[in-house]
């Protein structure tokens, strides 16, 4: 049981897909907007030592040594950014790592990792970040991109659901 002054669970569930169709939350508070659809996340490693994460639609695959066009997440501090304001990048990763696997798809489809496995994975991921992200002041900004398909879906749904969209 929860109430306003004594919440028992500090999280919010946001619907991103319903019966296979991507959904988006429209709100006056831009920070409440979600990235729609069923997704997967890849960590991309480049020849120059740079690394970044790429959020894609679940059916998209990313392969090493293949050009990956991507866009920055189009959310500003107070509004959706328009195309010209959104960073575009063409990444050619030398290594690609899928960051998660689906363990629930209406039923259990894979084994749940143990708490010790989760702790070890978290430790390994933090250690894989360069010192420029974890020790330097100010730390280097870690890049997170959307695939072009996911970016286009997000903008299309936002424009359809937001009567004030341009």
C-alpha atoms as a PDB file:
ATOM      1  CA  UNK A   1       0.000   0.000   0.000  1.00  0.00           C
ATOM      2  CA  UNK A   2       1.321   3.439  -0.836  1.00  0.00           C
ATOM      3  CA  UNK A   3       0.264   6.991  -0.270  1.00  0.00           C
ATOM      4  CA  UNK A   4       1.584  10.381  -1.346  1.00  0.00           C
ATOM      5  CA  UNK A   5       3.652  10.978   1.796  1.00  0.00           C
ATOM      6  CA  UNK A   6       4.948   7.422   2.253  1.00  0.00           C
ATOM      7  CA  UNK A   7       5.635   5.795  -1.108  1.00  0.00           C
ATOM      8  CA  UNK A   8       6.630   2.145  -0.894  1.00  0.00           C
ATOM      9  CA  UNK A   9       8.070   1.950  -4.393  1.00  0.00           C
ATOM     10  CA  UNK A  10       9.997   4.787  -6.021  1.00  0.00           C
ATOM     11  CA  UNK A  11       9.494   3.968  -9.691  1.00  0.00           C
ATOM     12  CA  UNK A  12       7.116   4.636 -12.558  1.00  0.00           C
ATOM     13  CA  UNK A  13       6.029   2.195 -15.262  1.00  0.00           C
ATOM     14  CA  UNK A  14       5.844   3.751 -18.715  1.00  0.00           C
ATOM     15  CA  UNK A  15       4.145   1.943 -21.559  1.00  0.00           C
ATOM     16  CA  UNK A  16       6.295   1.885 -24.723  1.00  0.00           C
ATOM     17  CA  UNK A  17       4.460  -0.780 -26.743  1.00  0.00           C
ATOM     18  CA  UNK A  18       0.963  -2.258 -26.754  1.00  0.00           C
ATOM     19  CA  UNK A  19       0.038  -5.354 -28.757  1.00  0.00           C
ATOM     20  CA  UNK A  20       3.112  -4.895 -30.961  1.00  0.00           C
ATOM     21  CA  UNK A  21       2.467  -1.205 -31.671  1.00  0.00           C
ATOM     22  CA  UNK A  22       4.903   1.421 -30.375  1.00  0.00           C
ATOM     23  CA  UNK A  23       3.492   4.011 -27.958  1.00  0.00           C
ATOM     24  CA  UNK A  24       4.780   7.345 -26.741  1.00  0.00           C
ATOM     25  CA  UNK A  25       3.910   9.419 -23.674  1.00  0.00           C
ATOM     26  CA  UNK A  26       3.083  13.050 -24.425  1.00  0.00           C
ATOM     27  CA  UNK A  27       3.375  15.463 -21.532  1.00  0.00           C
ATOM     28  CA  UNK A  28       3.989  19.138 -20.926  1.00  0.00           C
ATOM     29  CA  UNK A  29       6.980  17.951 -18.871  1.00  0.00           C
ATOM     30  CA  UNK A  30       9.458  16.920 -21.578  1.00  0.00           C
ATOM     31  CA  UNK A  31      11.420  14.862 -19.056  1.00  0.00           C
ATOM     32  CA  UNK A  32       8.497  12.449 -18.843  1.00  0.00           C
ATOM     33  CA  UNK A  33       8.705  11.536 -22.532  1.00  0.00           C
ATOM     34  CA  UNK A  34       9.787   7.973 -23.307  1.00  0.00           C
ATOM     35  CA  UNK A  35      11.609   6.407 -26.226  1.00  0.00           C
ATOM     36  CA  UNK A  36       8.856   4.293 -27.861  1.00  0.00           C
ATOM     37  CA  UNK A  37       8.817   0.677 -28.958  1.00  0.00           C
ATOM     38  CA  UNK A  38      10.557  -2.543 -28.033  1.00  0.00           C
ATOM     39  CA  UNK A  39      14.271  -1.831 -27.983  1.00  0.00           C
ATOM     40  CA  UNK A  40      17.738  -3.289 -27.612  1.00  0.00           C
ATOM     41  CA  UNK A  41      20.990  -1.554 -26.700  1.00  0.00           C
ATOM     42  CA  UNK A  42      24.442  -2.086 -28.164  1.00  0.00           C
ATOM     43  CA  UNK A  43      27.809  -0.775 -26.977  1.00  0.00           C
ATOM     44  CA  UNK A  44      29.894   0.278 -29.960  1.00  0.00           C
ATOM     45  CA  UNK A  45      33.693   0.347 -29.787  1.00  0.00           C
ATOM     46  CA  UNK A  46      35.624   2.307 -32.416  1.00  0.00           C
ATOM     47  CA  UNK A  47      39.178   1.917 -33.736  1.00  0.00           C
ATOM     48  CA  UNK A  48      40.235   5.199 -32.068  1.00  0.00           C
ATOM     49  CA  UNK A  49      39.280   3.819 -28.620  1.00  0.00           C
ATOM     50  CA  UNK A  50      36.035   5.793 -28.414  1.00  0.00           C
ATOM     51  CA  UNK A  51      32.887   4.012 -27.272  1.00  0.00           C
ATOM     52  CA  UNK A  52      29.194   4.839 -27.147  1.00  0.00           C
ATOM     53  CA  UNK A  53      25.818   3.158 -26.701  1.00  0.00           C
ATOM     54  CA  UNK A  54      23.220   2.799 -29.432  1.00  0.00           C
ATOM     55  CA  UNK A  55      19.528   2.265 -28.649  1.00  0.00           C
ATOM     56  CA  UNK A  56      17.752   0.484 -31.535  1.00  0.00           C
ATOM     57  CA  UNK A  57      14.442  -1.103 -32.291  1.00  0.00           C
ATOM     58  CA  UNK A  58      14.488  -4.720 -31.089  1.00  0.00           C
ATOM     59  CA  UNK A  59      14.588  -6.140 -34.618  1.00  0.00           C
ATOM     60  CA  UNK A  60      17.608  -4.058 -35.668  1.00  0.00           C
ATOM     61  CA  UNK A  61      21.031  -5.711 -35.715  1.00  0.00           C
ATOM     62  CA  UNK A  62      24.345  -3.931 -35.564  1.00  0.00           C
ATOM     63  CA  UNK A  63      27.505  -5.579 -36.892  1.00  0.00           C
ATOM     64  CA  UNK A  64      31.175  -4.685 -36.597  1.00  0.00           C
ATOM     65  CA  UNK A  65      32.869  -2.894 -39.507  1.00  0.00           C
ATOM     66  CA  UNK A  66      29.517  -1.733 -40.883  1.00  0.00           C
ATOM     67  CA  UNK A  67      28.405   1.904 -41.073  1.00  0.00           C
ATOM     68  CA  UNK A  68      25.800   2.747 -38.439  1.00  0.00           C
ATOM     69  CA  UNK A  69      23.953   6.037 -39.035  1.00  0.00           C
ATOM     70  CA  UNK A  70      22.547   7.391 -35.786  1.00  0.00           C
ATOM     71  CA  UNK A  71      21.001  10.448 -34.143  1.00  0.00           C
ATOM     72  CA  UNK A  72      21.261  11.976 -30.705  1.00  0.00           C
ATOM     73  CA  UNK A  73      18.231  11.673 -28.440  1.00  0.00           C
ATOM     74  CA  UNK A  74      16.045  14.645 -29.523  1.00  0.00           C
ATOM     75  CA  UNK A  75      15.041  15.860 -26.066  1.00  0.00           C
ATOM     76  CA  UNK A  76      16.212  19.274 -24.925  1.00  0.00           C
ATOM     77  CA  UNK A  77      15.816  20.642 -21.427  1.00  0.00           C
ATOM     78  CA  UNK A  78      12.382  22.056 -22.228  1.00  0.00           C
ATOM     79  CA  UNK A  79      11.284  20.793 -25.657  1.00  0.00           C
ATOM     80  CA  UNK A  80      11.676  18.287 -28.454  1.00  0.00           C
ATOM     81  CA  UNK A  81      14.561  19.367 -30.646  1.00  0.00           C
ATOM     82  CA  UNK A  82      13.973  19.805 -34.367  1.00  0.00           C
ATOM     83  CA  UNK A  83      15.987  17.892 -36.971  1.00  0.00           C
ATOM     84  CA  UNK A  84      18.605  20.583 -37.565  1.00  0.00           C
ATOM     85  CA  UNK A  85      19.385  20.729 -33.818  1.00  0.00           C
ATOM     86  CA  UNK A  86      19.892  16.977 -33.385  1.00  0.00           C
ATOM     87  CA  UNK A  87      23.406  15.620 -33.725  1.00  0.00           C
ATOM     88  CA  UNK A  88      23.893  13.094 -36.518  1.00  0.00           C
ATOM     89  CA  UNK A  89      26.749  10.592 -36.523  1.00  0.00           C
ATOM     90  CA  UNK A  90      28.007   7.840 -38.795  1.00  0.00           C
ATOM     91  CA  UNK A  91      29.779   5.253 -36.655  1.00  0.00           C
ATOM     92  CA  UNK A  92      31.853   2.339 -37.953  1.00  0.00           C
ATOM     93  CA  UNK A  93      32.383   0.156 -34.873  1.00  0.00           C
ATOM     94  CA  UNK A  94      35.207  -2.360 -34.780  1.00  0.00           C
ATOM     95  CA  UNK A  95      33.477  -4.231 -31.944  1.00  0.00           C
ATOM     96  CA  UNK A  96      29.777  -4.482 -31.048  1.00  0.00           C
ATOM     97  CA  UNK A  97      28.439  -5.760 -27.724  1.00  0.00           C
ATOM     98  CA  UNK A  98      24.737  -6.352 -27.073  1.00  0.00           C
ATOM     99  CA  UNK A  99      24.126  -5.018 -23.565  1.00  0.00           C
ATOM    100  CA  UNK A 100      21.068  -7.009 -22.574  1.00  0.00           C
ATOM    101  CA  UNK A 101      18.996 -10.008 -23.454  1.00  0.00           C
ATOM    102  CA  UNK A 102      15.274 -10.449 -23.166  1.00  0.00           C
ATOM    103  CA  UNK A 103      14.360 -12.744 -20.284  1.00  0.00           C
ATOM    104  CA  UNK A 104      10.614 -12.098 -20.323  1.00  0.00           C
ATOM    105  CA  UNK A 105       8.361 -11.891 -23.374  1.00  0.00           C
ATOM    106  CA  UNK A 106       4.965 -12.760 -21.927  1.00  0.00           C
ATOM    107  CA  UNK A 107       6.685 -15.790 -20.404  1.00  0.00           C
ATOM    108  CA  UNK A 108      10.213 -16.565 -19.243  1.00  0.00           C
ATOM    109  CA  UNK A 109      12.412 -16.985 -22.335  1.00  0.00           C
ATOM    110  CA  UNK A 110      15.831 -17.116 -20.617  1.00  0.00           C
ATOM    111  CA  UNK A 111      17.275 -17.804 -17.187  1.00  0.00           C
ATOM    112  CA  UNK A 112      17.371 -14.938 -14.730  1.00  0.00           C
ATOM    113  CA  UNK A 113      20.957 -14.118 -13.767  1.00  0.00           C
ATOM    114  CA  UNK A 114      21.872 -14.513 -10.108  1.00  0.00           C
ATOM    115  CA  UNK A 115      22.547 -11.469  -7.955  1.00  0.00           C
ATOM    116  CA  UNK A 116      26.275 -12.336  -7.974  1.00  0.00           C
ATOM    117  CA  UNK A 117      26.233 -12.494 -11.797  1.00  0.00           C
ATOM    118  CA  UNK A 118      24.511  -9.089 -11.907  1.00  0.00           C
ATOM    119  CA  UNK A 119      27.069  -7.575  -9.517  1.00  0.00           C
ATOM    120  CA  UNK A 120      29.957  -8.976 -11.567  1.00  0.00           C
ATOM    121  CA  UNK A 121      28.457  -7.701 -14.828  1.00  0.00           C
ATOM    122  CA  UNK A 122      27.983  -4.231 -13.335  1.00  0.00           C
ATOM    123  CA  UNK A 123      31.574  -4.163 -12.032  1.00  0.00           C
ATOM    124  CA  UNK A 124      32.939  -5.291 -15.416  1.00  0.00           C
ATOM    125  CA  UNK A 125      30.933  -2.634 -17.273  1.00  0.00           C
ATOM    126  CA  UNK A 126      32.139   0.155 -14.985  1.00  0.00           C
ATOM    127  CA  UNK A 127      35.732  -1.059 -15.319  1.00  0.00           C
ATOM    128  CA  UNK A 128      35.384  -1.145 -19.127  1.00  0.00           C
ATOM    129  CA  UNK A 129      34.764   2.607 -19.176  1.00  0.00           C
ATOM    130  CA  UNK A 130      37.908   4.623 -19.656  1.00  0.00           C
ATOM    131  CA  UNK A 131      39.304   6.813 -16.888  1.00  0.00           C
ATOM    132  CA  UNK A 132      38.107   9.854 -18.847  1.00  0.00           C
ATOM    133  CA  UNK A 133      34.526   8.828 -17.954  1.00  0.00           C
ATOM    134  CA  UNK A 134      35.073   7.813 -14.342  1.00  0.00           C
ATOM    135  CA  UNK A 135      38.058   9.666 -12.853  1.00  0.00           C
ATOM    136  CA  UNK A 136      38.729  12.929 -14.657  1.00  0.00           C
ATOM    137  CA  UNK A 137      37.094  16.191 -13.618  1.00  0.00           C
ATOM    138  CA  UNK A 138      34.979  17.107 -15.389  1.00  0.00           C
ATOM    139  CA  UNK A 139      34.326  13.627 -16.762  1.00  0.00           C
ATOM    140  CA  UNK A 140      33.971  13.133 -20.509  1.00  0.00           C
ATOM    141  CA  UNK A 141      30.313  13.044 -21.588  1.00  0.00           C
ATOM    142  CA  UNK A 142      29.296   9.494 -22.514  1.00  0.00           C
ATOM    143  CA  UNK A 143      27.521   9.341 -25.878  1.00  0.00           C
ATOM    144  CA  UNK A 144      24.191   7.589 -26.277  1.00  0.00           C
ATOM    145  CA  UNK A 145      22.557   7.568 -29.699  1.00  0.00           C
ATOM    146  CA  UNK A 146      19.320   6.337 -31.267  1.00  0.00           C
ATOM    147  CA  UNK A 147      19.285   4.380 -34.505  1.00  0.00           C
ATOM    148  CA  UNK A 148      17.864   6.418 -37.370  1.00  0.00           C
ATOM    149  CA  UNK A 149      14.819   4.099 -37.521  1.00  0.00           C
ATOM    150  CA  UNK A 150      14.105   4.572 -33.813  1.00  0.00           C
ATOM    151  CA  UNK A 151      14.683   8.334 -34.045  1.00  0.00           C
ATOM    152  CA  UNK A 152      12.231   8.573 -36.976  1.00  0.00           C
ATOM    153  CA  UNK A 153       9.637   6.483 -35.106  1.00  0.00           C
ATOM    154  CA  UNK A 154       9.977   8.668 -32.014  1.00  0.00           C
ATOM    155  CA  UNK A 155       9.526  11.907 -33.966  1.00  0.00           C
ATOM    156  CA  UNK A 156       6.616  10.502 -36.024  1.00  0.00           C
ATOM    157  CA  UNK A 157       4.727   9.303 -32.923  1.00  0.00           C
ATOM    158  CA  UNK A 158       5.426  12.524 -31.060  1.00  0.00           C
ATOM    159  CA  UNK A 159       4.088  14.607 -33.953  1.00  0.00           C
ATOM    160  CA  UNK A 160       1.000  12.377 -34.286  1.00  0.00           C
ATOM    161  CA  UNK A 161       0.188  12.401 -30.564  1.00  0.00           C
ATOM    162  CA  UNK A 162       1.052  16.015 -29.838  1.00  0.00           C
ATOM    163  CA  UNK A 163      -1.504  18.454 -31.254  1.00  0.00           C
ATOM    164  CA  UNK A 164       0.989  21.312 -30.886  1.00  0.00           C
ATOM    165  CA  UNK A 165       3.803  19.526 -32.775  1.00  0.00           C
ATOM    166  CA  UNK A 166       5.416  21.234 -35.704  1.00  0.00           C
END
